[in-house]
Amino acid sequence: MIRTLRIWLWGIVAELEYQLYPWKSNDVPQWAVDRYNIDNGAHSTEYEYTDHLNFEWLKCQEEKVAKLQLEMLSVIDRLNKMER
């Protein structure tokens, strides 16, 4: 009973989503640009910006990992010297 109700509600939500979001790709259809005065390049600029941020974040994380590896190597060297 509950499973049937969940499936029925999912169908209603899926149809509502289909009606609210009429296009399926990242490119804005021409009719939406004309009707709602949407900037056609807004999505591509946003994605380029987030890609740039993602790249910068990855670069920063890589630098942190490299620094930690160097510190680990220096600690291992110190331990080896202390053991001798």
Protein backbone atom coordinates (compact mmCIF):
# COMPACT_ATOMS: atom_id res chain seq x y z
CA MET A 1 0.00 0.00 0.00
CA ILE A 2 2.69 2.48 1.02
CA ARG A 3 4.87 1.46 -1.92
CA THR A 4 1.99 2.02 -4.34
CA LEU A 5 1.34 5.44 -2.80
CA ARG A 6 5.02 6.37 -3.12
CA ILE A 7 5.10 5.32 -6.77
CA TRP A 8 1.94 7.30 -7.48
CA LEU A 9 3.35 10.41 -5.76
CA TRP A 10 6.64 9.99 -7.61
CA GLY A 11 4.71 9.99 -10.90
CA ILE A 12 2.96 13.23 -9.96
CA VAL A 13 6.24 14.90 -8.95
CA ALA A 14 7.97 13.69 -12.13
CA GLU A 15 5.20 15.16 -14.29
CA LEU A 16 5.31 18.43 -12.34
CA GLU A 17 9.08 18.60 -12.82
CA TYR A 18 8.67 17.94 -16.53
CA GLN A 19 6.22 20.84 -16.78
CA LEU A 20 8.32 23.25 -14.70
CA TYR A 21 11.65 22.54 -16.41
CA PRO A 22 10.81 22.43 -20.11
CA TRP A 23 14.31 21.97 -21.53
CA LYS A 24 16.65 19.12 -20.77
CA SER A 25 20.11 20.47 -21.68
CA ASN A 26 22.30 23.30 -20.39
CA ASP A 27 21.64 25.34 -23.52
CA VAL A 28 18.74 27.74 -23.17
CA PRO A 29 16.22 27.33 -26.01
CA GLN A 30 15.80 30.30 -28.32
CA TRP A 31 12.11 30.69 -27.44
CA ALA A 32 13.05 31.17 -23.76
CA VAL A 33 15.70 33.75 -24.67
CA ASP A 34 13.15 35.67 -26.74
CA ARG A 35 10.23 35.39 -24.31
CA TYR A 36 11.98 35.95 -20.98
CA ASN A 37 14.98 38.01 -22.14
CA ILE A 38 17.41 35.43 -20.78
CA ASP A 39 21.09 35.98 -21.43
CA ASN A 40 22.08 33.14 -23.72
CA GLY A 41 25.68 33.08 -22.42
CA ALA A 42 24.79 33.15 -18.71
CA HIS A 43 25.01 29.40 -18.27
CA SER A 44 28.29 28.98 -20.11
CA THR A 45 29.87 31.85 -18.11
CA GLU A 46 28.66 30.31 -14.87
CA TYR A 47 30.08 26.91 -15.77
CA GLU A 48 33.40 28.42 -16.84
CA TYR A 49 33.55 30.27 -13.52
CA THR A 50 32.82 27.15 -11.46
CA ASP A 51 35.29 25.13 -13.55
CA HIS A 52 37.93 27.77 -12.82
CA LEU A 53 37.11 27.66 -9.09
CA ASN A 54 37.25 23.89 -9.11
CA PHE A 55 40.65 23.98 -10.82
CA GLU A 56 41.98 26.50 -8.30
CA TRP A 57 40.68 24.40 -5.40
CA LEU A 58 42.30 21.25 -6.81
CA LYS A 59 45.57 23.11 -7.33
CA CYS A 60 45.49 24.36 -3.73
CA GLN A 61 44.77 20.85 -2.41
CA GLU A 62 47.63 19.43 -4.48
CA GLU A 63 50.02 21.99 -3.00
CA LYS A 64 48.89 21.09 0.53
CA VAL A 65 49.42 17.39 -0.12
CA ALA A 66 52.87 18.04 -1.58
CA LYS A 67 53.83 20.09 1.49
CA LEU A 68 52.60 17.35 3.83
CA GLN A 69 54.59 14.75 1.89
CA LEU A 70 57.76 16.83 2.22
CA GLU A 71 57.16 17.21 5.95
CA MET A 72 56.61 13.46 6.30
CA LEU A 73 59.88 12.76 4.50
CA SER A 74 61.77 15.16 6.77
CA VAL A 75 60.26 13.52 9.87
CA ILE A 76 61.23 10.07 8.59
CA ASP A 77 64.79 11.30 7.99
CA ARG A 78 64.97 12.72 11.52
CA LEU A 79 63.68 9.44 12.98
CA ASN A 80 66.26 7.48 11.02
CA LYS A 81 69.03 9.78 12.29
CA MET A 82 67.79 9.41 15.87
CA GLU A 83 67.81 5.61 15.60
CA ARG A 84 71.46 5.58 14.55
